[in-house]
């Protein structure tokens, strides 16, 4: 069965997110672990987490994905920003440890005006530091579109982080389709070629999840603005092809659409499920 969900809000708690996921026929979901632009973590509600765990198990919700805030930048050389990134990661992982099956998603960050390889090594160092405290929770790196000083837009840069991270830890990659397309990876007309390149550079065994996103910008634009599913440059058919590809179909898929509500997400999840069933 296709594992698919969307980005939901933690405003009313974890159990409510799980209930919303089930209401739109999703069996996974993604959420921000804290304010995406401020880093504030809401107070722990143990009863809500316990209720979520029971509900998720009863309704076969798998692979809930906690997304770190945008201001987390483990590649940054500034010591204060590096300390902040490590603190946030440690706090988030401690929270996720209370919810079995959780995964943690982070952006690699940026290099600013310095050597990219040094920034990539700092990301790996931050990952190793976090894994030492919580070695059982998978951390996923998401690829970036390559805008500005971003790192992690190429498979080679992601591979460098993976190589510099202790192999005993569960580090993986989440492939964001819109960011990949913005970075020049043509998932629309050359999906097999892109996956072969990923396999040769990083290894398909490290690919653990997909952001199933459409994009407003053209191939190689380095700009990643999401479009509604089917209204962007990738289009529904190209995105749906990922859900049935032999190398990908067992992975969890997460939708991120601009200004989408549960009605929109329910409609698009149904479209992808129907496509997967027919193929």
C-alpha atoms as a PDB file:
ATOM      1  CA  UNK A   1       0.000   0.000   0.000  1.00  0.00           C
ATOM      2  CA  UNK A   2       1.238   3.475  -0.890  1.00  0.00           C
ATOM      3  CA  UNK A   3       2.579   5.373   2.118  1.00  0.00           C
ATOM      4  CA  UNK A   4       1.596   8.977   1.566  1.00  0.00           C
ATOM      5  CA  UNK A   5       0.699  12.024   3.610  1.00  0.00           C
ATOM      6  CA  UNK A   6       1.215  15.758   3.794  1.00  0.00           C
ATOM      7  CA  UNK A   7       2.475  18.582   5.971  1.00  0.00           C
ATOM      8  CA  UNK A   8       0.232  19.214   8.990  1.00  0.00           C
ATOM      9  CA  UNK A   9       0.215  21.693  11.856  1.00  0.00           C
ATOM     10  CA  UNK A  10       1.059  20.865  15.459  1.00  0.00           C
ATOM     11  CA  UNK A  11      -1.197  23.684  16.697  1.00  0.00           C
ATOM     12  CA  UNK A  12      -3.699  21.314  18.298  1.00  0.00           C
ATOM     13  CA  UNK A  13      -1.196  18.628  19.231  1.00  0.00           C
ATOM     14  CA  UNK A  14       0.137  15.347  17.928  1.00  0.00           C
ATOM     15  CA  UNK A  15      -3.008  13.274  18.351  1.00  0.00           C
ATOM     16  CA  UNK A  16      -5.010  15.824  16.329  1.00  0.00           C
ATOM     17  CA  UNK A  17      -2.456  15.608  13.513  1.00  0.00           C
ATOM     18  CA  UNK A  18      -2.841  11.851  13.440  1.00  0.00           C
ATOM     19  CA  UNK A  19      -6.629  12.198  13.357  1.00  0.00           C
ATOM     20  CA  UNK A  20      -6.378  14.699  10.496  1.00  0.00           C
ATOM     21  CA  UNK A  21      -4.101  12.352   8.575  1.00  0.00           C
ATOM     22  CA  UNK A  22      -6.573   9.496   8.886  1.00  0.00           C
ATOM     23  CA  UNK A  23      -9.450  11.792   7.879  1.00  0.00           C
ATOM     24  CA  UNK A  24      -7.817  12.428   4.475  1.00  0.00           C
ATOM     25  CA  UNK A  25      -6.790   8.800   3.923  1.00  0.00           C
ATOM     26  CA  UNK A  26      -3.127   9.479   4.697  1.00  0.00           C
ATOM     27  CA  UNK A  27      -1.012   6.957   6.557  1.00  0.00           C
ATOM     28  CA  UNK A  28       1.909   9.245   7.309  1.00  0.00           C
ATOM     29  CA  UNK A  29       2.486  12.977   7.758  1.00  0.00           C
ATOM     30  CA  UNK A  30       5.123  15.652   8.255  1.00  0.00           C
ATOM     31  CA  UNK A  31       5.200  18.558  10.706  1.00  0.00           C
ATOM     32  CA  UNK A  32       7.562  21.222  12.014  1.00  0.00           C
ATOM     33  CA  UNK A  33       9.128  20.245  15.319  1.00  0.00           C
ATOM     34  CA  UNK A  34       8.938  23.895  16.411  1.00  0.00           C
ATOM     35  CA  UNK A  35       8.387  27.367  14.970  1.00  0.00           C
ATOM     36  CA  UNK A  36      10.017  27.029  11.523  1.00  0.00           C
ATOM     37  CA  UNK A  37      11.590  30.485  11.669  1.00  0.00           C
ATOM     38  CA  UNK A  38      12.098  31.005  15.371  1.00  0.00           C
ATOM     39  CA  UNK A  39      13.285  27.782  16.911  1.00  0.00           C
ATOM     40  CA  UNK A  40      10.875  27.825  19.869  1.00  0.00           C
ATOM     41  CA  UNK A  41       9.788  24.372  21.065  1.00  0.00           C
ATOM     42  CA  UNK A  42       6.309  24.072  22.554  1.00  0.00           C
ATOM     43  CA  UNK A  43       5.930  22.630  26.032  1.00  0.00           C
ATOM     44  CA  UNK A  44       5.880  18.865  26.326  1.00  0.00           C
ATOM     45  CA  UNK A  45       2.400  17.364  26.742  1.00  0.00           C
ATOM     46  CA  UNK A  46       3.002  13.781  27.798  1.00  0.00           C
ATOM     47  CA  UNK A  47      -0.692  12.876  27.663  1.00  0.00           C
ATOM     48  CA  UNK A  48      -0.941  14.106  24.072  1.00  0.00           C
ATOM     49  CA  UNK A  49       2.134  12.121  23.053  1.00  0.00           C
ATOM     50  CA  UNK A  50       0.774   9.000  24.739  1.00  0.00           C
ATOM     51  CA  UNK A  51      -2.573   9.478  22.986  1.00  0.00           C
ATOM     52  CA  UNK A  52      -0.775   9.987  19.677  1.00  0.00           C
ATOM     53  CA  UNK A  53       1.223   6.796  20.078  1.00  0.00           C
ATOM     54  CA  UNK A  54      -1.905   4.745  20.756  1.00  0.00           C
ATOM     55  CA  UNK A  55      -3.834   6.342  17.878  1.00  0.00           C
ATOM     56  CA  UNK A  56      -0.978   5.989  15.393  1.00  0.00           C
ATOM     57  CA  UNK A  57      -0.537   2.325  16.197  1.00  0.00           C
ATOM     58  CA  UNK A  58      -4.271   1.629  16.013  1.00  0.00           C
ATOM     59  CA  UNK A  59      -4.611   3.355  12.626  1.00  0.00           C
ATOM     60  CA  UNK A  60      -1.382   2.127  11.014  1.00  0.00           C
ATOM     61  CA  UNK A  61       0.297   5.520  10.779  1.00  0.00           C
ATOM     62  CA  UNK A  62       3.962   5.055   9.958  1.00  0.00           C
ATOM     63  CA  UNK A  63       7.075   7.201   9.530  1.00  0.00           C
ATOM     64  CA  UNK A  64       5.852  10.503  11.047  1.00  0.00           C
ATOM     65  CA  UNK A  65       8.442  13.055  10.003  1.00  0.00           C
ATOM     66  CA  UNK A  66       9.537  15.896  12.274  1.00  0.00           C
ATOM     67  CA  UNK A  67      10.975  18.760  10.206  1.00  0.00           C
ATOM     68  CA  UNK A  68      13.627  20.940  11.872  1.00  0.00           C
ATOM     69  CA  UNK A  69      13.186  24.743  11.685  1.00  0.00           C
ATOM     70  CA  UNK A  70      14.495  26.643   8.692  1.00  0.00           C
ATOM     71  CA  UNK A  71      16.928  28.646  10.820  1.00  0.00           C
ATOM     72  CA  UNK A  72      18.816  25.508  11.804  1.00  0.00           C
ATOM     73  CA  UNK A  73      22.117  25.720   9.900  1.00  0.00           C
ATOM     74  CA  UNK A  74      24.603  22.976  10.826  1.00  0.00           C
ATOM     75  CA  UNK A  75      26.889  23.984   7.962  1.00  0.00           C
ATOM     76  CA  UNK A  76      27.405  27.512   9.266  1.00  0.00           C
ATOM     77  CA  UNK A  77      30.896  28.428  10.525  1.00  0.00           C
ATOM     78  CA  UNK A  78      29.646  30.943  13.105  1.00  0.00           C
ATOM     79  CA  UNK A  79      30.012  29.255  16.484  1.00  0.00           C
ATOM     80  CA  UNK A  80      26.786  30.662  17.926  1.00  0.00           C
ATOM     81  CA  UNK A  81      24.786  29.316  14.970  1.00  0.00           C
ATOM     82  CA  UNK A  82      26.593  26.002  15.214  1.00  0.00           C
ATOM     83  CA  UNK A  83      25.771  25.762  18.922  1.00  0.00           C
ATOM     84  CA  UNK A  84      22.146  26.651  18.221  1.00  0.00           C
ATOM     85  CA  UNK A  85      21.892  23.952  15.539  1.00  0.00           C
ATOM     86  CA  UNK A  86      23.247  21.302  17.866  1.00  0.00           C
ATOM     87  CA  UNK A  87      20.994  22.369  20.725  1.00  0.00           C
ATOM     88  CA  UNK A  88      17.881  22.275  18.523  1.00  0.00           C
ATOM     89  CA  UNK A  89      18.789  18.884  17.090  1.00  0.00           C
ATOM     90  CA  UNK A  90      19.366  17.420  20.546  1.00  0.00           C
ATOM     91  CA  UNK A  91      16.080  18.798  21.896  1.00  0.00           C
ATOM     92  CA  UNK A  92      14.106  17.660  18.868  1.00  0.00           C
ATOM     93  CA  UNK A  93      15.553  14.166  18.909  1.00  0.00           C
ATOM     94  CA  UNK A  94      14.785  13.807  22.609  1.00  0.00           C
ATOM     95  CA  UNK A  95      11.142  14.665  21.841  1.00  0.00           C
ATOM     96  CA  UNK A  96      10.991  12.335  18.835  1.00  0.00           C
ATOM     97  CA  UNK A  97      12.351   9.499  20.958  1.00  0.00           C
ATOM     98  CA  UNK A  98       9.033   9.553  22.807  1.00  0.00           C
ATOM     99  CA  UNK A  99       7.164   8.712  19.582  1.00  0.00           C
ATOM    100  CA  UNK A 100       8.279   5.337  18.159  1.00  0.00           C
ATOM    101  CA  UNK A 101       8.802   5.220  14.406  1.00  0.00           C
ATOM    102  CA  UNK A 102       9.589   8.923  14.105  1.00  0.00           C
ATOM    103  CA  UNK A 103      12.135  10.337  11.703  1.00  0.00           C
ATOM    104  CA  UNK A 104      13.900  13.702  11.756  1.00  0.00           C
ATOM    105  CA  UNK A 105      14.424  15.911   8.691  1.00  0.00           C
ATOM    106  CA  UNK A 106      17.033  18.665   8.453  1.00  0.00           C
ATOM    107  CA  UNK A 107      18.414  20.987   5.812  1.00  0.00           C
ATOM    108  CA  UNK A 108      22.198  20.870   5.389  1.00  0.00           C
ATOM    109  CA  UNK A 109      22.433  24.649   5.669  1.00  0.00           C
ATOM    110  CA  UNK A 110      24.833  27.052   3.980  1.00  0.00           C
ATOM    111  CA  UNK A 111      28.505  27.759   3.370  1.00  0.00           C
ATOM    112  CA  UNK A 112      28.372  31.564   3.080  1.00  0.00           C
ATOM    113  CA  UNK A 113      31.673  32.859   1.633  1.00  0.00           C
ATOM    114  CA  UNK A 114      33.941  29.976   2.534  1.00  0.00           C
ATOM    115  CA  UNK A 115      35.082  26.546   1.486  1.00  0.00           C
ATOM    116  CA  UNK A 116      32.127  24.258   0.775  1.00  0.00           C
ATOM    117  CA  UNK A 117      33.933  21.132   1.934  1.00  0.00           C
ATOM    118  CA  UNK A 118      34.434  22.660   5.389  1.00  0.00           C
ATOM    119  CA  UNK A 119      30.705  23.367   5.641  1.00  0.00           C
ATOM    120  CA  UNK A 120      29.876  19.811   4.589  1.00  0.00           C
ATOM    121  CA  UNK A 121      32.210  18.443   7.260  1.00  0.00           C
ATOM    122  CA  UNK A 122      30.550  20.626   9.899  1.00  0.00           C
ATOM    123  CA  UNK A 123      27.181  19.129   8.987  1.00  0.00           C
ATOM    124  CA  UNK A 124      28.621  15.655   9.442  1.00  0.00           C
ATOM    125  CA  UNK A 125      30.141  16.654  12.788  1.00  0.00           C
ATOM    126  CA  UNK A 126      26.774  17.966  13.991  1.00  0.00           C
ATOM    127  CA  UNK A 127      25.103  14.751  12.844  1.00  0.00           C
ATOM    128  CA  UNK A 128      27.641  12.584  14.649  1.00  0.00           C
ATOM    129  CA  UNK A 129      27.165  14.660  17.800  1.00  0.00           C
ATOM    130  CA  UNK A 130      23.389  14.227  17.649  1.00  0.00           C
ATOM    131  CA  UNK A 131      23.527  10.531  16.855  1.00  0.00           C
ATOM    132  CA  UNK A 132      25.761   9.925  19.856  1.00  0.00           C
ATOM    133  CA  UNK A 133      22.865  10.978  22.090  1.00  0.00           C
ATOM    134  CA  UNK A 134      20.021   9.414  20.058  1.00  0.00           C
ATOM    135  CA  UNK A 135      21.541   6.693  17.847  1.00  0.00           C
ATOM    136  CA  UNK A 136      18.281   4.955  16.957  1.00  0.00           C
ATOM    137  CA  UNK A 137      16.286   7.791  15.387  1.00  0.00           C
ATOM    138  CA  UNK A 138      16.838   8.137  11.621  1.00  0.00           C
ATOM    139  CA  UNK A 139      17.951  11.592  10.521  1.00  0.00           C
ATOM    140  CA  UNK A 140      17.248  12.514   6.915  1.00  0.00           C
ATOM    141  CA  UNK A 141      19.019  15.217   4.920  1.00  0.00           C
ATOM    142  CA  UNK A 142      16.890  16.980   2.330  1.00  0.00           C
ATOM    143  CA  UNK A 143      18.455  18.129  -0.939  1.00  0.00           C
ATOM    144  CA  UNK A 144      18.400  21.853  -1.654  1.00  0.00           C
ATOM    145  CA  UNK A 145      17.718  23.812  -4.892  1.00  0.00           C
ATOM    146  CA  UNK A 146      21.115  25.546  -4.854  1.00  0.00           C
ATOM    147  CA  UNK A 147      19.956  29.087  -4.191  1.00  0.00           C
ATOM    148  CA  UNK A 148      22.512  31.513  -2.768  1.00  0.00           C
ATOM    149  CA  UNK A 149      25.062  29.845  -0.499  1.00  0.00           C
ATOM    150  CA  UNK A 150      23.070  26.665   0.101  1.00  0.00           C
ATOM    151  CA  UNK A 151      24.895  23.383   0.364  1.00  0.00           C
ATOM    152  CA  UNK A 152      23.421  19.971  -0.390  1.00  0.00           C
ATOM    153  CA  UNK A 153      21.946  20.783  -3.797  1.00  0.00           C
ATOM    154  CA  UNK A 154      24.066  18.207  -5.607  1.00  0.00           C
ATOM    155  CA  UNK A 155      24.250  14.477  -5.018  1.00  0.00           C
ATOM    156  CA  UNK A 156      28.023  14.857  -4.655  1.00  0.00           C
ATOM    157  CA  UNK A 157      27.658  17.259  -1.722  1.00  0.00           C
ATOM    158  CA  UNK A 158      25.108  15.034  -0.010  1.00  0.00           C
ATOM    159  CA  UNK A 159      27.404  12.063  -0.556  1.00  0.00           C
ATOM    160  CA  UNK A 160      30.263  13.954   1.100  1.00  0.00           C
ATOM    161  CA  UNK A 161      28.145  14.466   4.230  1.00  0.00           C
ATOM    162  CA  UNK A 162      27.092  10.823   4.256  1.00  0.00           C
ATOM    163  CA  UNK A 163      30.702   9.679   3.860  1.00  0.00           C
ATOM    164  CA  UNK A 164      31.882  11.901   6.731  1.00  0.00           C
ATOM    165  CA  UNK A 165      29.153  10.653   9.085  1.00  0.00           C
ATOM    166  CA  UNK A 166      29.781   7.498  11.106  1.00  0.00           C
ATOM    167  CA  UNK A 167      28.247   4.638   9.036  1.00  0.00           C
ATOM    168  CA  UNK A 168      26.869   2.927  12.136  1.00  0.00           C
ATOM    169  CA  UNK A 169      24.218   5.656  12.446  1.00  0.00           C
ATOM    170  CA  UNK A 170      20.853   5.705  10.553  1.00  0.00           C
ATOM    171  CA  UNK A 171      21.479   8.653   8.244  1.00  0.00           C
ATOM    172  CA  UNK A 172      19.459   8.870   5.038  1.00  0.00           C
ATOM    173  CA  UNK A 173      18.357  11.231   2.281  1.00  0.00           C
ATOM    174  CA  UNK A 174      14.910  12.623   1.584  1.00  0.00           C
ATOM    175  CA  UNK A 175      14.643  13.576  -2.086  1.00  0.00           C
ATOM    176  CA  UNK A 176      12.646  16.745  -2.634  1.00  0.00           C
ATOM    177  CA  UNK A 177      11.382  16.621  -6.226  1.00  0.00           C
ATOM    178  CA  UNK A 178      10.989  20.377  -6.694  1.00  0.00           C
ATOM    179  CA  UNK A 179      14.401  21.178  -5.201  1.00  0.00           C
ATOM    180  CA  UNK A 180      16.009  18.483  -7.346  1.00  0.00           C
ATOM    181  CA  UNK A 181      14.349  19.868 -10.479  1.00  0.00           C
ATOM    182  CA  UNK A 182      15.487  23.395  -9.552  1.00  0.00           C
ATOM    183  CA  UNK A 183      19.031  22.068  -9.135  1.00  0.00           C
ATOM    184  CA  UNK A 184      18.970  20.583 -12.650  1.00  0.00           C
ATOM    185  CA  UNK A 185      17.943  16.977 -12.040  1.00  0.00           C
ATOM    186  CA  UNK A 186      15.348  16.209 -14.695  1.00  0.00           C
ATOM    187  CA  UNK A 187      12.900  13.957 -12.878  1.00  0.00           C
ATOM    188  CA  UNK A 188      10.267  14.685 -15.516  1.00  0.00           C
ATOM    189  CA  UNK A 189      11.898  13.203 -18.606  1.00  0.00           C
ATOM    190  CA  UNK A 190      14.840  11.260 -17.155  1.00  0.00           C
ATOM    191  CA  UNK A 191      13.724   9.697 -13.867  1.00  0.00           C
ATOM    192  CA  UNK A 192      15.726   6.508 -14.386  1.00  0.00           C
ATOM    193  CA  UNK A 193      18.830   8.495 -15.246  1.00  0.00           C
ATOM    194  CA  UNK A 194      18.529  10.660 -12.141  1.00  0.00           C
ATOM    195  CA  UNK A 195      18.027   7.619  -9.921  1.00  0.00           C
ATOM    196  CA  UNK A 196      21.024   5.904 -11.511  1.00  0.00           C
ATOM    197  CA  UNK A 197      23.109   8.994 -10.805  1.00  0.00           C
ATOM    198  CA  UNK A 198      21.853   9.023  -7.203  1.00  0.00           C
ATOM    199  CA  UNK A 199      22.721   5.347  -6.839  1.00  0.00           C
ATOM    200  CA  UNK A 200      26.236   5.767  -8.223  1.00  0.00           C
ATOM    201  CA  UNK A 201      26.935   8.874  -6.117  1.00  0.00           C
ATOM    202  CA  UNK A 202      25.177   8.199  -2.808  1.00  0.00           C
ATOM    203  CA  UNK A 203      23.552   4.765  -3.046  1.00  0.00           C
ATOM    204  CA  UNK A 204      19.839   4.075  -3.348  1.00  0.00           C
ATOM    205  CA  UNK A 205      19.985   2.305  -0.002  1.00  0.00           C
ATOM    206  CA  UNK A 206      20.342   5.781   1.540  1.00  0.00           C
ATOM    207  CA  UNK A 207      17.173   7.113  -0.118  1.00  0.00           C
ATOM    208  CA  UNK A 208      14.543   6.901   2.613  1.00  0.00           C
ATOM    209  CA  UNK A 209      11.690   9.278   1.665  1.00  0.00           C
ATOM    210  CA  UNK A 210      10.331  11.648  -0.992  1.00  0.00           C
ATOM    211  CA  UNK A 211       8.906  15.152  -0.902  1.00  0.00           C
ATOM    212  CA  UNK A 212       6.376  14.865  -3.728  1.00  0.00           C
ATOM    213  CA  UNK A 213       6.293  18.519  -4.755  1.00  0.00           C
ATOM    214  CA  UNK A 214       5.472  20.374  -7.936  1.00  0.00           C
ATOM    215  CA  UNK A 215       7.439  23.515  -8.854  1.00  0.00           C
ATOM    216  CA  UNK A 216       6.731  26.858 -10.483  1.00  0.00           C
ATOM    217  CA  UNK A 217      10.250  27.415 -11.841  1.00  0.00           C
ATOM    218  CA  UNK A 218      11.983  25.759 -14.771  1.00  0.00           C
ATOM    219  CA  UNK A 219      14.627  23.041 -14.755  1.00  0.00           C
ATOM    220  CA  UNK A 220      17.941  24.268 -13.320  1.00  0.00           C
ATOM    221  CA  UNK A 221      16.535  27.574 -12.070  1.00  0.00           C
ATOM    222  CA  UNK A 222      18.064  27.190  -8.557  1.00  0.00           C
ATOM    223  CA  UNK A 223      14.787  28.593  -7.217  1.00  0.00           C
ATOM    224  CA  UNK A 224      12.282  26.374  -5.454  1.00  0.00           C
ATOM    225  CA  UNK A 225       8.751  27.740  -5.233  1.00  0.00           C
ATOM    226  CA  UNK A 226       6.161  25.035  -4.861  1.00  0.00           C
ATOM    227  CA  UNK A 227       3.120  24.805  -7.103  1.00  0.00           C
ATOM    228  CA  UNK A 228      -0.109  22.942  -6.551  1.00  0.00           C
ATOM    229  CA  UNK A 229       0.160  19.347  -7.705  1.00  0.00           C
ATOM    230  CA  UNK A 230      -0.336  19.264 -11.467  1.00  0.00           C
ATOM    231  CA  UNK A 231      -0.052  23.023 -11.919  1.00  0.00           C
ATOM    232  CA  UNK A 232       3.736  23.282 -12.038  1.00  0.00           C
ATOM    233  CA  UNK A 233       6.622  22.381 -14.309  1.00  0.00           C
ATOM    234  CA  UNK A 234       6.798  18.762 -13.160  1.00  0.00           C
ATOM    235  CA  UNK A 235       3.089  17.974 -13.384  1.00  0.00           C
ATOM    236  CA  UNK A 236       1.005  15.173 -11.920  1.00  0.00           C
ATOM    237  CA  UNK A 237       2.081  12.363 -14.262  1.00  0.00           C
ATOM    238  CA  UNK A 238       5.803  12.870 -13.621  1.00  0.00           C
ATOM    239  CA  UNK A 239       5.258  13.008  -9.860  1.00  0.00           C
ATOM    240  CA  UNK A 240       2.927  10.017  -9.868  1.00  0.00           C
ATOM    241  CA  UNK A 241       5.549   8.003 -11.751  1.00  0.00           C
ATOM    242  CA  UNK A 242       7.773   8.182  -8.665  1.00  0.00           C
ATOM    243  CA  UNK A 243       5.125   6.479  -6.525  1.00  0.00           C
ATOM    244  CA  UNK A 244       5.173   3.351  -8.695  1.00  0.00           C
ATOM    245  CA  UNK A 245       8.849   3.207  -9.617  1.00  0.00           C
ATOM    246  CA  UNK A 246      10.321  -0.129  -8.436  1.00  0.00           C
ATOM    247  CA  UNK A 247      13.142   1.637  -6.579  1.00  0.00           C
ATOM    248  CA  UNK A 248      10.818   4.090  -4.819  1.00  0.00           C
ATOM    249  CA  UNK A 249       7.358   2.630  -4.335  1.00  0.00           C
ATOM    250  CA  UNK A 250       8.073   1.321  -0.811  1.00  0.00           C
ATOM    251  CA  UNK A 251       9.211   4.738   0.445  1.00  0.00           C
ATOM    252  CA  UNK A 252       6.997   7.247   2.283  1.00  0.00           C
ATOM    253  CA  UNK A 253       5.854  10.259   0.232  1.00  0.00           C
ATOM    254  CA  UNK A 254       5.023  13.674   1.716  1.00  0.00           C
ATOM    255  CA  UNK A 255       3.160  16.479  -0.069  1.00  0.00           C
ATOM    256  CA  UNK A 256       3.980  20.162   0.465  1.00  0.00           C
ATOM    257  CA  UNK A 257       1.610  22.427  -1.447  1.00  0.00           C
ATOM    258  CA  UNK A 258       1.239  26.218  -1.161  1.00  0.00           C
ATOM    259  CA  UNK A 259      -1.802  27.370   0.825  1.00  0.00           C
ATOM    260  CA  UNK A 260      -3.231  23.865   0.830  1.00  0.00           C
ATOM    261  CA  UNK A 261      -5.906  22.743   3.274  1.00  0.00           C
ATOM    262  CA  UNK A 262      -7.121  19.270   4.199  1.00  0.00           C
ATOM    263  CA  UNK A 263      -9.613  19.266   1.319  1.00  0.00           C
ATOM    264  CA  UNK A 264      -6.868  19.881  -1.242  1.00  0.00           C
ATOM    265  CA  UNK A 265      -4.557  17.338   0.326  1.00  0.00           C
ATOM    266  CA  UNK A 266      -7.315  14.721   0.497  1.00  0.00           C
ATOM    267  CA  UNK A 267      -8.016  15.206  -3.209  1.00  0.00           C
ATOM    268  CA  UNK A 268      -4.366  14.876  -4.222  1.00  0.00           C
ATOM    269  CA  UNK A 269      -3.684  11.906  -1.958  1.00  0.00           C
ATOM    270  CA  UNK A 270      -6.670  10.189  -3.586  1.00  0.00           C
ATOM    271  CA  UNK A 271      -5.238  10.948  -7.051  1.00  0.00           C
ATOM    272  CA  UNK A 272      -1.879   9.420  -6.184  1.00  0.00           C
ATOM    273  CA  UNK A 273      -3.488   6.390  -4.560  1.00  0.00           C
ATOM    274  CA  UNK A 274      -5.652   5.789  -7.631  1.00  0.00           C
ATOM    275  CA  UNK A 275      -2.616   6.069  -9.914  1.00  0.00           C
ATOM    276  CA  UNK A 276      -0.625   3.619  -7.800  1.00  0.00           C
ATOM    277  CA  UNK A 277      -3.463   1.125  -7.792  1.00  0.00           C
ATOM    278  CA  UNK A 278      -3.775   1.302 -11.582  1.00  0.00           C
ATOM    279  CA  UNK A 279      -0.039   0.797 -12.131  1.00  0.00           C
END
